[in-house]
Amino acid sequence: MTGALSAAWTLSLGLDFLFNGGLLAPLYLAGGPFLLSPEESLRRFPLGCTAGLILTVGFWWFLIRLDVRGWAEGFRYGLSIPAFVWGAFLIGLFSISTVPIPLLLGWWAGQSFQLALVGGVLGAAAAGVRISQLWMLVALAIIVLCTLTVILQYSVN
């Protein structure tokens, strides 16, 4: 199952790259008192990757306990549960910080969809899909996500 965990985490990193490096980049560049400088954010990038790994492993544990099998079932759990949890967390964060609402909504959508894909990969692996097939799909998705990110980066700058 470590192959499935690695594939799921890699896919989540690719989607994180698209959301934070592409779609939300203009909001980060606008800055504000809530956000770190781009240089400091880049220095802390490994912490964000570690957080994604912790979420992936935790979600894997959760899906095993629920005996989730299949891409669609994993995707459904991966979308619904984080949508509620992240939604509640971000409402709480909004109540005590200066973070802009568009950034909160971007984080909510990104984290929800990211864990939906993690759930889909892990659910497919639990249903018996070969790891080589999962990795092939993840590799293709990473190419698409990175390409979209680069396009968005050039449109911002």
Protein backbone atom coordinates (compact mmCIF):
# COMPACT_ATOMS: atom_id res chain seq x y z
CA MET A 1 0.00 0.00 0.00
CA THR A 2 2.99 2.33 0.24
CA GLY A 3 2.93 2.63 -3.55
CA ALA A 4 -0.65 3.85 -3.42
CA LEU A 5 0.19 6.28 -0.60
CA SER A 6 3.13 7.63 -2.60
CA ALA A 7 0.99 8.01 -5.72
CA ALA A 8 -1.80 9.74 -3.78
CA TRP A 9 0.63 12.12 -2.07
CA THR A 10 2.39 12.91 -5.36
CA LEU A 11 -0.93 13.72 -6.98
CA SER A 12 -1.88 15.93 -4.03
CA LEU A 13 1.42 17.81 -4.42
CA GLY A 14 0.69 18.37 -8.11
CA LEU A 15 -2.75 19.76 -7.35
CA ASP A 16 -1.30 21.88 -4.53
CA PHE A 17 1.21 23.27 -7.05
CA LEU A 18 -1.65 24.22 -9.41
CA PHE A 19 -3.77 25.84 -6.73
CA ASN A 20 -1.08 27.69 -4.80
CA GLY A 21 1.43 28.30 -7.60
CA GLY A 22 -1.13 29.10 -10.28
CA LEU A 23 -4.74 29.79 -9.40
CA LEU A 24 -4.14 31.55 -6.06
CA ALA A 25 -0.83 33.19 -7.05
CA PRO A 26 -2.38 36.63 -7.68
CA LEU A 27 -3.84 36.60 -4.17
CA TYR A 28 -0.47 35.69 -2.66
CA LEU A 29 1.29 38.38 -4.71
CA ALA A 30 -1.19 40.96 -3.44
CA GLY A 31 0.19 40.23 0.02
CA GLY A 32 -1.34 41.58 3.18
CA PRO A 33 -0.74 41.36 6.90
CA PHE A 34 -1.88 37.75 7.09
CA LEU A 35 0.61 36.33 4.58
CA LEU A 36 4.34 35.76 4.74
CA SER A 37 6.61 37.19 2.07
CA PRO A 38 7.04 34.98 -1.02
CA GLU A 39 10.66 34.32 0.00
CA GLU A 40 9.71 33.16 3.49
CA SER A 41 6.85 31.08 2.10
CA LEU A 42 9.29 29.36 -0.25
CA ARG A 43 11.63 28.57 2.65
CA ARG A 44 8.72 26.94 4.47
CA PHE A 45 7.56 24.98 1.42
CA PRO A 46 8.81 21.63 2.85
CA LEU A 47 6.46 22.12 5.80
CA GLY A 48 3.52 22.35 3.42
CA CYS A 49 4.62 19.16 1.67
CA THR A 50 4.88 17.45 5.06
CA ALA A 51 1.40 18.62 5.95
CA GLY A 52 0.11 17.08 2.72
CA LEU A 53 1.81 13.80 3.57
CA ILE A 54 0.25 13.80 7.05
CA LEU A 55 -3.19 14.44 5.52
CA THR A 56 -2.69 11.67 2.96
CA VAL A 57 -1.61 9.11 5.57
CA GLY A 58 -4.38 10.16 7.94
CA PHE A 59 -6.98 9.94 5.22
CA TRP A 60 -5.67 6.52 4.19
CA TRP A 61 -6.10 5.32 7.78
CA PHE A 62 -9.63 6.75 7.79
CA LEU A 63 -10.59 5.07 4.49
CA ILE A 64 -9.26 1.71 5.69
CA ARG A 65 -11.41 1.94 8.83
CA LEU A 66 -14.47 2.62 6.68
CA ASP A 67 -13.51 -0.13 4.19
CA VAL A 68 -13.76 2.29 1.28
CA ARG A 69 -13.11 0.57 -2.04
CA GLY A 70 -13.20 1.99 -5.52
CA TRP A 71 -12.26 5.26 -7.11
CA ALA A 72 -15.72 6.84 -6.94
CA GLU A 73 -16.33 5.93 -3.31
CA GLY A 74 -12.88 7.18 -2.30
CA PHE A 75 -13.40 10.39 -4.26
CA ARG A 76 -16.81 10.95 -2.63
CA TYR A 77 -15.45 10.52 0.90
CA GLY A 78 -12.40 12.56 -0.02
CA LEU A 79 -14.54 15.44 -1.21
CA SER A 80 -17.30 15.50 1.39
CA ILE A 81 -15.44 15.06 4.66
CA PRO A 82 -12.66 17.59 3.99
CA ALA A 83 -15.23 20.06 2.60
CA PHE A 84 -16.94 20.11 5.99
CA VAL A 85 -13.77 20.06 8.07
CA TRP A 86 -11.90 22.68 6.02
CA GLY A 87 -15.03 24.77 5.73
CA ALA A 88 -15.44 24.89 9.50
CA PHE A 89 -11.72 25.52 10.03
CA LEU A 90 -11.64 28.39 7.56
CA ILE A 91 -14.76 30.03 9.00
CA GLY A 92 -13.00 29.92 12.36
CA LEU A 93 -9.82 31.34 10.81
CA PHE A 94 -11.82 34.15 9.21
CA SER A 95 -13.29 35.02 12.59
CA ILE A 96 -9.84 35.75 14.07
CA SER A 97 -7.67 36.93 11.19
CA THR A 98 -7.35 39.32 8.27
CA VAL A 99 -7.18 36.62 5.60
CA PRO A 100 -9.15 37.69 2.50
CA ILE A 101 -12.33 35.77 1.68
CA PRO A 102 -11.19 34.84 -1.87
CA LEU A 103 -8.09 33.20 -0.41
CA LEU A 104 -10.19 31.31 2.13
CA LEU A 105 -12.48 30.06 -0.62
CA GLY A 106 -9.48 29.05 -2.72
CA TRP A 107 -7.99 27.11 0.17
CA TRP A 108 -11.33 25.44 0.87
CA ALA A 109 -11.80 24.37 -2.76
CA GLY A 110 -8.18 23.32 -3.16
CA GLN A 111 -7.97 21.23 0.00
CA SER A 112 -11.35 19.60 -0.64
CA PHE A 113 -10.49 18.65 -4.21
CA GLN A 114 -6.97 17.61 -3.22
CA LEU A 115 -8.25 15.09 -0.69
CA ALA A 116 -10.94 13.97 -3.13
CA LEU A 117 -8.20 12.92 -5.53
CA VAL A 118 -6.25 11.31 -2.68
CA GLY A 119 -9.39 9.39 -1.75
CA GLY A 120 -9.90 8.35 -5.36
CA VAL A 121 -6.37 6.98 -5.70
CA LEU A 122 -6.48 5.18 -2.35
CA GLY A 123 -9.97 3.82 -3.02
CA ALA A 124 -8.87 2.52 -6.42
CA ALA A 125 -5.85 0.82 -4.83
CA ALA A 126 -8.06 -0.76 -2.17
CA ALA A 127 -10.28 -2.12 -4.95
CA GLY A 128 -7.31 -3.85 -6.55
CA VAL A 129 -6.22 -1.45 -9.29
CA ARG A 130 -2.58 -2.14 -10.09
CA ILE A 131 -0.09 0.34 -8.69
CA SER A 132 1.54 0.68 -12.12
CA GLN A 133 -1.80 1.84 -13.56
CA LEU A 134 -2.27 4.32 -10.73
CA TRP A 135 1.23 5.70 -11.23
CA MET A 136 0.65 6.06 -14.97
CA LEU A 137 -2.48 8.12 -14.35
CA VAL A 138 -0.76 10.16 -11.63
CA ALA A 139 2.20 10.87 -13.93
CA LEU A 140 -0.15 12.05 -16.68
CA ALA A 141 -2.07 14.21 -14.20
CA ILE A 142 1.17 15.73 -12.88
CA ILE A 143 2.23 16.70 -16.41
CA VAL A 144 -1.15 18.38 -16.99
CA LEU A 145 -1.15 20.11 -13.58
CA CYS A 146 2.40 21.42 -13.99
CA THR A 147 1.67 22.63 -17.52
CA LEU A 148 -1.42 24.49 -16.33
CA THR A 149 0.55 26.00 -13.45
CA VAL A 150 3.27 27.28 -15.77
CA ILE A 151 0.64 28.77 -18.10
CA LEU A 152 -1.05 30.49 -15.16
CA GLN A 153 2.30 31.77 -13.86
CA TYR A 154 3.07 33.37 -17.21
CA SER A 155 -0.37 34.97 -17.34
CA VAL A 156 0.14 36.49 -13.85
CA ASN A 157 3.59 37.91 -14.58
